[in-house]
């Protein structure tokens, strides 16, 4: 049978199609052009710090430019939507945090399908800690609650955005203590912290990265929403110690567009994992108080599912009304 007959022609077309699909993975070594890490927050916050530290190492490993693209706004929606629509070739990554968990639960609709993004790697987790401007006269949780109960709505708490872990923690705190707060969302931790330090807001439920400003006397740590005291802030009591049942925290991790081939996902996972393990990068991340987690990609997916279930249970059991629209 000659190769020009239909059977051979179909086989040849199929083989050439296979080659065209596999060539980008095997013909050119990844990455052969700049890689963009989208951070859906303003520069200067902890998510941005993590991204730039990891990018520094990947730049050396891959010998390619790693671009940090800060696309803040919409409670991480703007940056997340951008990556959800990106070409699934591994050259656009998303580094985000708790908003990815909360937005599908707390918002009526989203301009992207969460399934269009695949969880890749968890960097770590953190516990939310209530810190206030040190110039305020409130010395401890008792003082804060006394003011909040005497003047409903007078306690002004900032967050890194609607639906962020600082926002959710603040609302759960209000429900657990029976006080009314005023929530002010920002486009990231950095602008929120700037206004807190400037006295425009009273406090924020930040991670233990805020301990730097606590140690310099700019902020006062009130309590941490963890089950036990944090090793980076052993002098800060837990809310449970003070009679408030509040345990809550956030997470930080990488995602890719869901069409990225699994083999390429595995490659990117290993390289980011190695970057985090680099002593210089590890030290930068650990300095923020983040508890670095070593999970497989599948474990990260299970972790996110559990976080979603947990948030639903927290909001339903606490009867908390969290307005993010």
C-alpha atoms as a PDB file:
ATOM      1  CA  UNK A   1       0.000   0.000   0.000  1.00  0.00           C
ATOM      2  CA  UNK A   2       1.367   3.355  -1.005  1.00  0.00           C
ATOM      3  CA  UNK A   3       1.630   6.148   1.626  1.00  0.00           C
ATOM      4  CA  UNK A   4      -0.565   8.415  -0.531  1.00  0.00           C
ATOM      5  CA  UNK A   5      -3.646   6.279   0.175  1.00  0.00           C
ATOM      6  CA  UNK A   6      -6.234   7.532   2.749  1.00  0.00           C
ATOM      7  CA  UNK A   7      -5.180   5.222   5.605  1.00  0.00           C
ATOM      8  CA  UNK A   8      -1.561   6.296   5.482  1.00  0.00           C
ATOM      9  CA  UNK A   9      -2.545   9.924   4.931  1.00  0.00           C
ATOM     10  CA  UNK A  10      -4.706   9.932   8.086  1.00  0.00           C
ATOM     11  CA  UNK A  11      -1.952   8.259  10.079  1.00  0.00           C
ATOM     12  CA  UNK A  12       0.589  10.802   8.844  1.00  0.00           C
ATOM     13  CA  UNK A  13      -1.700  13.738   9.695  1.00  0.00           C
ATOM     14  CA  UNK A  14      -2.275  12.321  13.167  1.00  0.00           C
ATOM     15  CA  UNK A  15       1.444  11.862  13.758  1.00  0.00           C
ATOM     16  CA  UNK A  16       2.256  15.407  12.611  1.00  0.00           C
ATOM     17  CA  UNK A  17      -0.462  16.772  14.904  1.00  0.00           C
ATOM     18  CA  UNK A  18       1.095  14.869  17.795  1.00  0.00           C
ATOM     19  CA  UNK A  19       4.480  16.372  16.997  1.00  0.00           C
ATOM     20  CA  UNK A  20       3.027  19.881  16.877  1.00  0.00           C
ATOM     21  CA  UNK A  21       1.543  19.425  20.368  1.00  0.00           C
ATOM     22  CA  UNK A  22       4.655  17.977  21.928  1.00  0.00           C
ATOM     23  CA  UNK A  23       7.234  20.154  20.189  1.00  0.00           C
ATOM     24  CA  UNK A  24       6.869  23.150  22.557  1.00  0.00           C
ATOM     25  CA  UNK A  25       7.667  20.900  25.513  1.00  0.00           C
ATOM     26  CA  UNK A  26      10.514  18.935  24.000  1.00  0.00           C
ATOM     27  CA  UNK A  27      11.883  21.125  21.215  1.00  0.00           C
ATOM     28  CA  UNK A  28      12.668  24.190  23.321  1.00  0.00           C
ATOM     29  CA  UNK A  29      13.639  23.962  26.957  1.00  0.00           C
ATOM     30  CA  UNK A  30      11.258  25.775  29.295  1.00  0.00           C
ATOM     31  CA  UNK A  31      11.468  28.670  29.761  1.00  0.00           C
ATOM     32  CA  UNK A  32      12.846  30.184  26.588  1.00  0.00           C
ATOM     33  CA  UNK A  33      11.286  33.621  27.215  1.00  0.00           C
ATOM     34  CA  UNK A  34      10.332  35.797  30.213  1.00  0.00           C
ATOM     35  CA  UNK A  35       7.894  34.367  32.775  1.00  0.00           C
ATOM     36  CA  UNK A  36       5.288  36.598  34.420  1.00  0.00           C
ATOM     37  CA  UNK A  37       4.118  36.135  38.013  1.00  0.00           C
ATOM     38  CA  UNK A  38       0.870  38.034  38.545  1.00  0.00           C
ATOM     39  CA  UNK A  39       0.370  39.303  42.104  1.00  0.00           C
ATOM     40  CA  UNK A  40      -3.181  40.662  42.602  1.00  0.00           C
ATOM     41  CA  UNK A  41      -2.023  43.207  45.193  1.00  0.00           C
ATOM     42  CA  UNK A  42      -0.080  46.457  45.241  1.00  0.00           C
ATOM     43  CA  UNK A  43       3.732  46.332  45.644  1.00  0.00           C
ATOM     44  CA  UNK A  44       5.148  46.138  49.149  1.00  0.00           C
ATOM     45  CA  UNK A  45       2.750  43.670  50.777  1.00  0.00           C
ATOM     46  CA  UNK A  46       3.721  40.181  51.908  1.00  0.00           C
ATOM     47  CA  UNK A  47       2.409  38.463  48.756  1.00  0.00           C
ATOM     48  CA  UNK A  48       4.548  40.808  46.683  1.00  0.00           C
ATOM     49  CA  UNK A  49       7.548  40.132  48.949  1.00  0.00           C
ATOM     50  CA  UNK A  50       7.145  36.380  48.457  1.00  0.00           C
ATOM     51  CA  UNK A  51       6.844  36.777  44.698  1.00  0.00           C
ATOM     52  CA  UNK A  52       9.937  38.940  44.344  1.00  0.00           C
ATOM     53  CA  UNK A  53      12.046  36.679  46.564  1.00  0.00           C
ATOM     54  CA  UNK A  54      11.088  33.583  44.563  1.00  0.00           C
ATOM     55  CA  UNK A  55      11.488  35.446  41.260  1.00  0.00           C
ATOM     56  CA  UNK A  56      15.028  36.416  42.279  1.00  0.00           C
ATOM     57  CA  UNK A  57      15.988  32.739  42.549  1.00  0.00           C
ATOM     58  CA  UNK A  58      14.085  31.619  39.445  1.00  0.00           C
ATOM     59  CA  UNK A  59      15.827  34.332  37.448  1.00  0.00           C
ATOM     60  CA  UNK A  60      19.165  32.747  38.300  1.00  0.00           C
ATOM     61  CA  UNK A  61      17.970  29.184  37.789  1.00  0.00           C
ATOM     62  CA  UNK A  62      16.210  29.737  34.486  1.00  0.00           C
ATOM     63  CA  UNK A  63      18.475  32.526  33.221  1.00  0.00           C
ATOM     64  CA  UNK A  64      15.324  34.330  32.163  1.00  0.00           C
ATOM     65  CA  UNK A  65      13.611  37.534  33.220  1.00  0.00           C
ATOM     66  CA  UNK A  66      10.878  36.926  35.803  1.00  0.00           C
ATOM     67  CA  UNK A  67       8.336  39.747  35.729  1.00  0.00           C
ATOM     68  CA  UNK A  68       6.269  40.596  38.811  1.00  0.00           C
ATOM     69  CA  UNK A  69       3.010  42.031  37.490  1.00  0.00           C
ATOM     70  CA  UNK A  70       1.058  43.752  40.298  1.00  0.00           C
ATOM     71  CA  UNK A  71      -2.608  43.790  39.222  1.00  0.00           C
ATOM     72  CA  UNK A  72      -4.396  45.009  42.328  1.00  0.00           C
ATOM     73  CA  UNK A  73      -8.084  45.637  42.810  1.00  0.00           C
ATOM     74  CA  UNK A  74     -11.427  43.943  43.215  1.00  0.00           C
ATOM     75  CA  UNK A  75     -10.298  41.873  46.189  1.00  0.00           C
ATOM     76  CA  UNK A  76      -7.768  39.992  43.967  1.00  0.00           C
ATOM     77  CA  UNK A  77     -10.346  39.568  41.174  1.00  0.00           C
ATOM     78  CA  UNK A  78      -8.573  41.760  38.590  1.00  0.00           C
ATOM     79  CA  UNK A  79      -5.288  39.848  38.706  1.00  0.00           C
ATOM     80  CA  UNK A  80      -6.957  36.459  39.051  1.00  0.00           C
ATOM     81  CA  UNK A  81      -9.212  37.084  36.058  1.00  0.00           C
ATOM     82  CA  UNK A  82      -6.191  38.116  33.984  1.00  0.00           C
ATOM     83  CA  UNK A  83      -4.397  34.824  34.635  1.00  0.00           C
ATOM     84  CA  UNK A  84      -7.582  32.792  34.083  1.00  0.00           C
ATOM     85  CA  UNK A  85      -7.607  34.137  30.516  1.00  0.00           C
ATOM     86  CA  UNK A  86      -3.877  33.757  29.876  1.00  0.00           C
ATOM     87  CA  UNK A  87      -2.446  31.326  27.338  1.00  0.00           C
ATOM     88  CA  UNK A  88      -1.898  28.016  29.186  1.00  0.00           C
ATOM     89  CA  UNK A  89       1.768  27.723  28.246  1.00  0.00           C
ATOM     90  CA  UNK A  90       3.375  28.116  31.679  1.00  0.00           C
ATOM     91  CA  UNK A  91       4.574  31.661  31.068  1.00  0.00           C
ATOM     92  CA  UNK A  92       1.882  33.326  33.212  1.00  0.00           C
ATOM     93  CA  UNK A  93       1.576  32.283  36.850  1.00  0.00           C
ATOM     94  CA  UNK A  94      -0.674  33.561  39.635  1.00  0.00           C
ATOM     95  CA  UNK A  95       0.623  34.114  43.170  1.00  0.00           C
ATOM     96  CA  UNK A  96      -2.360  34.831  45.374  1.00  0.00           C
ATOM     97  CA  UNK A  97      -3.797  34.262  48.822  1.00  0.00           C
ATOM     98  CA  UNK A  98      -7.025  33.831  50.756  1.00  0.00           C
ATOM     99  CA  UNK A  99      -9.200  35.778  48.321  1.00  0.00           C
ATOM    100  CA  UNK A 100      -9.127  32.774  46.001  1.00  0.00           C
ATOM    101  CA  UNK A 101     -10.917  30.783  48.733  1.00  0.00           C
ATOM    102  CA  UNK A 102     -13.328  33.473  49.885  1.00  0.00           C
ATOM    103  CA  UNK A 103     -14.447  35.101  46.636  1.00  0.00           C
ATOM    104  CA  UNK A 104     -16.447  32.129  45.261  1.00  0.00           C
ATOM    105  CA  UNK A 105     -18.151  31.763  48.652  1.00  0.00           C
ATOM    106  CA  UNK A 106     -18.801  35.372  49.598  1.00  0.00           C
ATOM    107  CA  UNK A 107     -19.578  36.927  46.216  1.00  0.00           C
ATOM    108  CA  UNK A 108     -22.758  36.477  44.190  1.00  0.00           C
ATOM    109  CA  UNK A 109     -20.828  36.178  40.928  1.00  0.00           C
ATOM    110  CA  UNK A 110     -17.304  36.268  39.548  1.00  0.00           C
ATOM    111  CA  UNK A 111     -15.985  37.330  36.119  1.00  0.00           C
ATOM    112  CA  UNK A 112     -13.946  34.130  35.949  1.00  0.00           C
ATOM    113  CA  UNK A 113     -14.494  30.448  36.621  1.00  0.00           C
ATOM    114  CA  UNK A 114     -12.346  29.272  39.573  1.00  0.00           C
ATOM    115  CA  UNK A 115     -11.977  25.967  37.702  1.00  0.00           C
ATOM    116  CA  UNK A 116     -10.074  27.829  34.980  1.00  0.00           C
ATOM    117  CA  UNK A 117      -7.122  27.979  37.400  1.00  0.00           C
ATOM    118  CA  UNK A 118      -5.279  24.978  38.786  1.00  0.00           C
ATOM    119  CA  UNK A 119      -3.654  25.035  42.252  1.00  0.00           C
ATOM    120  CA  UNK A 120       0.073  24.421  41.838  1.00  0.00           C
ATOM    121  CA  UNK A 121       2.053  24.991  45.036  1.00  0.00           C
ATOM    122  CA  UNK A 122       1.337  26.217  48.563  1.00  0.00           C
ATOM    123  CA  UNK A 123       4.054  28.447  50.006  1.00  0.00           C
ATOM    124  CA  UNK A 124       2.693  28.520  53.535  1.00  0.00           C
ATOM    125  CA  UNK A 125       0.049  29.557  56.045  1.00  0.00           C
ATOM    126  CA  UNK A 126      -0.321  32.327  58.604  1.00  0.00           C
ATOM    127  CA  UNK A 127      -2.512  33.276  61.569  1.00  0.00           C
ATOM    128  CA  UNK A 128      -4.259  36.628  61.681  1.00  0.00           C
ATOM    129  CA  UNK A 129      -3.227  38.937  64.504  1.00  0.00           C
ATOM    130  CA  UNK A 130      -5.037  42.086  65.587  1.00  0.00           C
ATOM    131  CA  UNK A 131      -2.607  45.002  65.714  1.00  0.00           C
ATOM    132  CA  UNK A 132      -3.507  48.630  66.398  1.00  0.00           C
ATOM    133  CA  UNK A 133      -1.720  51.951  66.139  1.00  0.00           C
ATOM    134  CA  UNK A 134       0.491  52.254  69.229  1.00  0.00           C
ATOM    135  CA  UNK A 135      -0.534  55.901  69.705  1.00  0.00           C
ATOM    136  CA  UNK A 136      -4.059  54.811  70.593  1.00  0.00           C
ATOM    137  CA  UNK A 137      -4.837  54.641  74.325  1.00  0.00           C
ATOM    138  CA  UNK A 138      -6.018  51.016  74.180  1.00  0.00           C
ATOM    139  CA  UNK A 139      -3.532  48.679  75.849  1.00  0.00           C
ATOM    140  CA  UNK A 140      -5.219  45.308  75.462  1.00  0.00           C
ATOM    141  CA  UNK A 141      -8.290  43.476  74.160  1.00  0.00           C
ATOM    142  CA  UNK A 142     -10.380  44.602  77.120  1.00  0.00           C
ATOM    143  CA  UNK A 143      -9.729  48.244  76.248  1.00  0.00           C
ATOM    144  CA  UNK A 144     -10.476  47.689  72.565  1.00  0.00           C
ATOM    145  CA  UNK A 145     -13.757  45.916  73.276  1.00  0.00           C
ATOM    146  CA  UNK A 146     -14.792  48.536  75.825  1.00  0.00           C
ATOM    147  CA  UNK A 147     -14.414  51.289  73.249  1.00  0.00           C
ATOM    148  CA  UNK A 148     -16.139  49.265  70.521  1.00  0.00           C
ATOM    149  CA  UNK A 149     -19.133  48.524  72.755  1.00  0.00           C
ATOM    150  CA  UNK A 150     -19.473  52.076  73.991  1.00  0.00           C
ATOM    151  CA  UNK A 151     -19.252  53.501  70.465  1.00  0.00           C
ATOM    152  CA  UNK A 152     -20.733  51.032  67.934  1.00  0.00           C
ATOM    153  CA  UNK A 153     -18.971  51.325  64.578  1.00  0.00           C
ATOM    154  CA  UNK A 154     -16.198  53.517  65.966  1.00  0.00           C
ATOM    155  CA  UNK A 155     -13.596  50.738  65.727  1.00  0.00           C
ATOM    156  CA  UNK A 156     -12.141  51.121  62.220  1.00  0.00           C
ATOM    157  CA  UNK A 157     -10.329  48.057  60.890  1.00  0.00           C
ATOM    158  CA  UNK A 158      -8.471  47.975  57.583  1.00  0.00           C
ATOM    159  CA  UNK A 159      -7.935  44.978  55.318  1.00  0.00           C
ATOM    160  CA  UNK A 160      -5.973  44.118  52.191  1.00  0.00           C
ATOM    161  CA  UNK A 161      -9.238  43.901  50.263  1.00  0.00           C
ATOM    162  CA  UNK A 162     -12.811  42.661  50.378  1.00  0.00           C
ATOM    163  CA  UNK A 163     -12.849  38.939  51.064  1.00  0.00           C
ATOM    164  CA  UNK A 164      -9.199  38.862  52.159  1.00  0.00           C
ATOM    165  CA  UNK A 165      -8.203  36.988  55.309  1.00  0.00           C
ATOM    166  CA  UNK A 166      -7.833  40.269  57.294  1.00  0.00           C
ATOM    167  CA  UNK A 167     -11.385  41.182  56.244  1.00  0.00           C
ATOM    168  CA  UNK A 168     -12.887  37.802  57.092  1.00  0.00           C
ATOM    169  CA  UNK A 169     -11.001  37.715  60.403  1.00  0.00           C
ATOM    170  CA  UNK A 170     -12.316  41.179  61.308  1.00  0.00           C
ATOM    171  CA  UNK A 171     -15.909  40.177  60.584  1.00  0.00           C
ATOM    172  CA  UNK A 172     -15.585  36.932  62.554  1.00  0.00           C
ATOM    173  CA  UNK A 173     -14.048  38.925  65.410  1.00  0.00           C
ATOM    174  CA  UNK A 174     -17.015  41.306  65.387  1.00  0.00           C
ATOM    175  CA  UNK A 175     -19.448  38.404  65.467  1.00  0.00           C
ATOM    176  CA  UNK A 176     -17.568  36.509  68.184  1.00  0.00           C
ATOM    177  CA  UNK A 177     -17.379  39.565  70.466  1.00  0.00           C
ATOM    178  CA  UNK A 178     -20.729  41.124  69.607  1.00  0.00           C
ATOM    179  CA  UNK A 179     -19.248  44.474  68.558  1.00  0.00           C
ATOM    180  CA  UNK A 180     -19.896  46.580  65.486  1.00  0.00           C
ATOM    181  CA  UNK A 181     -16.869  47.544  63.406  1.00  0.00           C
ATOM    182  CA  UNK A 182     -16.251  49.735  60.378  1.00  0.00           C
ATOM    183  CA  UNK A 183     -14.304  47.906  57.680  1.00  0.00           C
ATOM    184  CA  UNK A 184     -12.102  49.779  55.194  1.00  0.00           C
ATOM    185  CA  UNK A 185     -10.790  47.634  52.290  1.00  0.00           C
ATOM    186  CA  UNK A 186      -7.540  48.515  50.496  1.00  0.00           C
ATOM    187  CA  UNK A 187      -5.798  47.153  47.381  1.00  0.00           C
ATOM    188  CA  UNK A 188      -3.241  45.245  49.408  1.00  0.00           C
ATOM    189  CA  UNK A 189      -1.557  45.128  52.799  1.00  0.00           C
ATOM    190  CA  UNK A 190       0.969  47.854  52.017  1.00  0.00           C
ATOM    191  CA  UNK A 191      -1.504  50.763  51.562  1.00  0.00           C
ATOM    192  CA  UNK A 192      -3.595  49.475  54.466  1.00  0.00           C
ATOM    193  CA  UNK A 193      -0.535  49.422  56.717  1.00  0.00           C
ATOM    194  CA  UNK A 194       0.489  52.895  55.589  1.00  0.00           C
ATOM    195  CA  UNK A 195      -2.869  54.294  56.694  1.00  0.00           C
ATOM    196  CA  UNK A 196      -2.718  52.340  59.945  1.00  0.00           C
ATOM    197  CA  UNK A 197       0.703  53.776  60.740  1.00  0.00           C
ATOM    198  CA  UNK A 198      -0.587  57.209  59.758  1.00  0.00           C
ATOM    199  CA  UNK A 199      -3.543  56.958  62.115  1.00  0.00           C
ATOM    200  CA  UNK A 200      -6.305  56.932  59.484  1.00  0.00           C
ATOM    201  CA  UNK A 201      -7.572  53.554  60.765  1.00  0.00           C
ATOM    202  CA  UNK A 202      -7.339  51.899  64.176  1.00  0.00           C
ATOM    203  CA  UNK A 203      -6.092  48.417  63.345  1.00  0.00           C
ATOM    204  CA  UNK A 204      -5.852  45.438  61.033  1.00  0.00           C
ATOM    205  CA  UNK A 205      -5.894  41.644  61.329  1.00  0.00           C
ATOM    206  CA  UNK A 206      -2.480  41.179  59.738  1.00  0.00           C
ATOM    207  CA  UNK A 207      -0.115  38.207  59.871  1.00  0.00           C
ATOM    208  CA  UNK A 208       2.885  38.041  62.180  1.00  0.00           C
ATOM    209  CA  UNK A 209       4.810  40.074  59.585  1.00  0.00           C
ATOM    210  CA  UNK A 210       3.359  43.046  61.504  1.00  0.00           C
ATOM    211  CA  UNK A 211       5.647  42.194  64.432  1.00  0.00           C
ATOM    212  CA  UNK A 212       8.377  44.304  62.835  1.00  0.00           C
ATOM    213  CA  UNK A 213       6.295  47.425  63.443  1.00  0.00           C
ATOM    214  CA  UNK A 214       5.338  46.114  66.871  1.00  0.00           C
ATOM    215  CA  UNK A 215       8.975  45.731  67.895  1.00  0.00           C
ATOM    216  CA  UNK A 216       9.734  49.318  66.829  1.00  0.00           C
ATOM    217  CA  UNK A 217       6.828  50.649  68.879  1.00  0.00           C
ATOM    218  CA  UNK A 218       4.695  51.777  65.933  1.00  0.00           C
ATOM    219  CA  UNK A 219       2.012  49.144  66.435  1.00  0.00           C
ATOM    220  CA  UNK A 220       0.607  47.292  69.435  1.00  0.00           C
ATOM    221  CA  UNK A 221      -0.241  43.589  69.158  1.00  0.00           C
ATOM    222  CA  UNK A 222      -3.563  42.799  70.861  1.00  0.00           C
ATOM    223  CA  UNK A 223      -4.126  39.075  70.216  1.00  0.00           C
ATOM    224  CA  UNK A 224      -3.570  36.374  67.602  1.00  0.00           C
ATOM    225  CA  UNK A 225      -6.253  34.146  66.095  1.00  0.00           C
ATOM    226  CA  UNK A 226      -4.333  30.880  66.416  1.00  0.00           C
ATOM    227  CA  UNK A 227      -4.848  27.788  68.532  1.00  0.00           C
ATOM    228  CA  UNK A 228      -1.564  28.410  70.342  1.00  0.00           C
ATOM    229  CA  UNK A 229       0.946  31.243  70.619  1.00  0.00           C
ATOM    230  CA  UNK A 230       3.070  31.837  67.548  1.00  0.00           C
ATOM    231  CA  UNK A 231       6.829  31.185  67.871  1.00  0.00           C
ATOM    232  CA  UNK A 232       7.547  34.530  66.151  1.00  0.00           C
ATOM    233  CA  UNK A 233       5.383  36.396  68.668  1.00  0.00           C
ATOM    234  CA  UNK A 234       5.391  34.386  71.924  1.00  0.00           C
ATOM    235  CA  UNK A 235       4.330  37.377  74.025  1.00  0.00           C
ATOM    236  CA  UNK A 236       1.114  37.913  72.077  1.00  0.00           C
ATOM    237  CA  UNK A 237      -1.834  36.061  73.677  1.00  0.00           C
ATOM    238  CA  UNK A 238      -4.314  34.075  71.619  1.00  0.00           C
ATOM    239  CA  UNK A 239      -7.922  35.206  71.451  1.00  0.00           C
ATOM    240  CA  UNK A 240      -8.929  31.950  73.104  1.00  0.00           C
ATOM    241  CA  UNK A 241      -6.711  32.738  76.070  1.00  0.00           C
ATOM    242  CA  UNK A 242      -8.664  35.981  76.410  1.00  0.00           C
ATOM    243  CA  UNK A 243     -12.051  34.309  76.187  1.00  0.00           C
ATOM    244  CA  UNK A 244     -12.837  34.874  72.501  1.00  0.00           C
ATOM    245  CA  UNK A 245     -13.246  31.757  70.354  1.00  0.00           C
ATOM    246  CA  UNK A 246     -11.448  32.956  67.232  1.00  0.00           C
ATOM    247  CA  UNK A 247      -8.993  30.803  65.271  1.00  0.00           C
ATOM    248  CA  UNK A 248      -8.425  31.939  61.718  1.00  0.00           C
ATOM    249  CA  UNK A 249      -5.616  32.457  59.207  1.00  0.00           C
ATOM    250  CA  UNK A 250      -4.623  32.812  55.591  1.00  0.00           C
ATOM    251  CA  UNK A 251      -2.471  31.070  53.005  1.00  0.00           C
ATOM    252  CA  UNK A 252      -0.281  31.981  49.997  1.00  0.00           C
ATOM    253  CA  UNK A 253       0.251  29.909  46.883  1.00  0.00           C
ATOM    254  CA  UNK A 254       0.776  29.593  43.127  1.00  0.00           C
ATOM    255  CA  UNK A 255      -1.782  28.759  40.428  1.00  0.00           C
ATOM    256  CA  UNK A 256      -1.572  28.197  36.666  1.00  0.00           C
ATOM    257  CA  UNK A 257      -4.192  28.345  33.900  1.00  0.00           C
ATOM    258  CA  UNK A 258      -5.870  24.942  33.861  1.00  0.00           C
ATOM    259  CA  UNK A 259      -4.786  24.128  30.318  1.00  0.00           C
ATOM    260  CA  UNK A 260      -1.088  23.959  31.217  1.00  0.00           C
ATOM    261  CA  UNK A 261       0.116  20.388  30.508  1.00  0.00           C
ATOM    262  CA  UNK A 262       0.718  18.361  33.660  1.00  0.00           C
ATOM    263  CA  UNK A 263       4.320  17.617  32.700  1.00  0.00           C
ATOM    264  CA  UNK A 264       5.007  21.349  32.557  1.00  0.00           C
ATOM    265  CA  UNK A 265       3.144  21.900  35.829  1.00  0.00           C
ATOM    266  CA  UNK A 266       5.446  19.325  37.422  1.00  0.00           C
ATOM    267  CA  UNK A 267       8.511  21.163  36.111  1.00  0.00           C
ATOM    268  CA  UNK A 268       7.340  24.553  37.399  1.00  0.00           C
ATOM    269  CA  UNK A 269       6.379  23.025  40.753  1.00  0.00           C
ATOM    270  CA  UNK A 270       9.835  21.541  41.259  1.00  0.00           C
ATOM    271  CA  UNK A 271      11.601  24.778  40.323  1.00  0.00           C
ATOM    272  CA  UNK A 272       9.465  26.942  42.648  1.00  0.00           C
ATOM    273  CA  UNK A 273       9.829  24.391  45.430  1.00  0.00           C
ATOM    274  CA  UNK A 274      13.610  24.510  45.005  1.00  0.00           C
ATOM    275  CA  UNK A 275      13.535  28.324  44.977  1.00  0.00           C
ATOM    276  CA  UNK A 276      11.673  28.410  48.299  1.00  0.00           C
ATOM    277  CA  UNK A 277      14.190  25.985  49.788  1.00  0.00           C
ATOM    278  CA  UNK A 278      17.085  28.256  48.804  1.00  0.00           C
ATOM    279  CA  UNK A 279      18.533  29.644  52.093  1.00  0.00           C
ATOM    280  CA  UNK A 280      18.307  33.270  50.982  1.00  0.00           C
ATOM    281  CA  UNK A 281      14.710  32.992  49.778  1.00  0.00           C
ATOM    282  CA  UNK A 282      13.688  30.834  52.739  1.00  0.00           C
ATOM    283  CA  UNK A 283      15.035  33.453  55.148  1.00  0.00           C
ATOM    284  CA  UNK A 284      13.085  36.263  53.451  1.00  0.00           C
ATOM    285  CA  UNK A 285       9.836  34.301  53.639  1.00  0.00           C
ATOM    286  CA  UNK A 286      10.396  33.037  57.180  1.00  0.00           C
ATOM    287  CA  UNK A 287      11.100  36.584  58.370  1.00  0.00           C
ATOM    288  CA  UNK A 288       7.445  37.443  57.722  1.00  0.00           C
ATOM    289  CA  UNK A 289       6.347  34.786  60.188  1.00  0.00           C
ATOM    290  CA  UNK A 290       4.797  32.604  57.494  1.00  0.00           C
ATOM    291  CA  UNK A 291       4.760  28.902  58.350  1.00  0.00           C
ATOM    292  CA  UNK A 292       6.254  27.352  55.212  1.00  0.00           C
ATOM    293  CA  UNK A 293       4.414  24.189  54.175  1.00  0.00           C
ATOM    294  CA  UNK A 294       5.850  21.339  52.135  1.00  0.00           C
ATOM    295  CA  UNK A 295       2.888  19.918  50.242  1.00  0.00           C
ATOM    296  CA  UNK A 296       2.494  18.095  46.958  1.00  0.00           C
ATOM    297  CA  UNK A 297       0.263  19.639  44.322  1.00  0.00           C
ATOM    298  CA  UNK A 298      -2.513  17.192  45.179  1.00  0.00           C
ATOM    299  CA  UNK A 299      -2.201  17.989  48.870  1.00  0.00           C
ATOM    300  CA  UNK A 300      -2.525  21.696  48.066  1.00  0.00           C
ATOM    301  CA  UNK A 301      -5.745  20.994  46.174  1.00  0.00           C
ATOM    302  CA  UNK A 302      -7.139  19.067  49.148  1.00  0.00           C
ATOM    303  CA  UNK A 303      -6.021  21.867  51.470  1.00  0.00           C
ATOM    304  CA  UNK A 304      -7.973  24.441  49.444  1.00  0.00           C
ATOM    305  CA  UNK A 305     -11.083  22.257  49.456  1.00  0.00           C
ATOM    306  CA  UNK A 306     -10.886  22.004  53.239  1.00  0.00           C
ATOM    307  CA  UNK A 307     -10.381  25.774  53.548  1.00  0.00           C
ATOM    308  CA  UNK A 308     -13.529  26.360  51.478  1.00  0.00           C
ATOM    309  CA  UNK A 309     -15.545  23.995  53.665  1.00  0.00           C
ATOM    310  CA  UNK A 310     -14.126  25.617  56.784  1.00  0.00           C
ATOM    311  CA  UNK A 311     -15.035  29.138  55.656  1.00  0.00           C
ATOM    312  CA  UNK A 312     -18.593  28.087  54.867  1.00  0.00           C
ATOM    313  CA  UNK A 313     -18.902  26.503  58.302  1.00  0.00           C
ATOM    314  CA  UNK A 314     -17.387  29.534  60.037  1.00  0.00           C
ATOM    315  CA  UNK A 315     -19.688  32.017  58.356  1.00  0.00           C
ATOM    316  CA  UNK A 316     -22.774  29.849  58.802  1.00  0.00           C
ATOM    317  CA  UNK A 317     -22.131  28.795  62.393  1.00  0.00           C
ATOM    318  CA  UNK A 318     -21.163  32.314  63.440  1.00  0.00           C
ATOM    319  CA  UNK A 319     -24.068  33.757  61.477  1.00  0.00           C
ATOM    320  CA  UNK A 320     -21.596  36.337  60.220  1.00  0.00           C
ATOM    321  CA  UNK A 321     -22.643  38.715  57.485  1.00  0.00           C
ATOM    322  CA  UNK A 322     -19.578  39.510  55.364  1.00  0.00           C
ATOM    323  CA  UNK A 323     -20.280  42.147  52.744  1.00  0.00           C
ATOM    324  CA  UNK A 324     -17.811  42.056  49.870  1.00  0.00           C
ATOM    325  CA  UNK A 325     -19.886  43.561  47.056  1.00  0.00           C
END
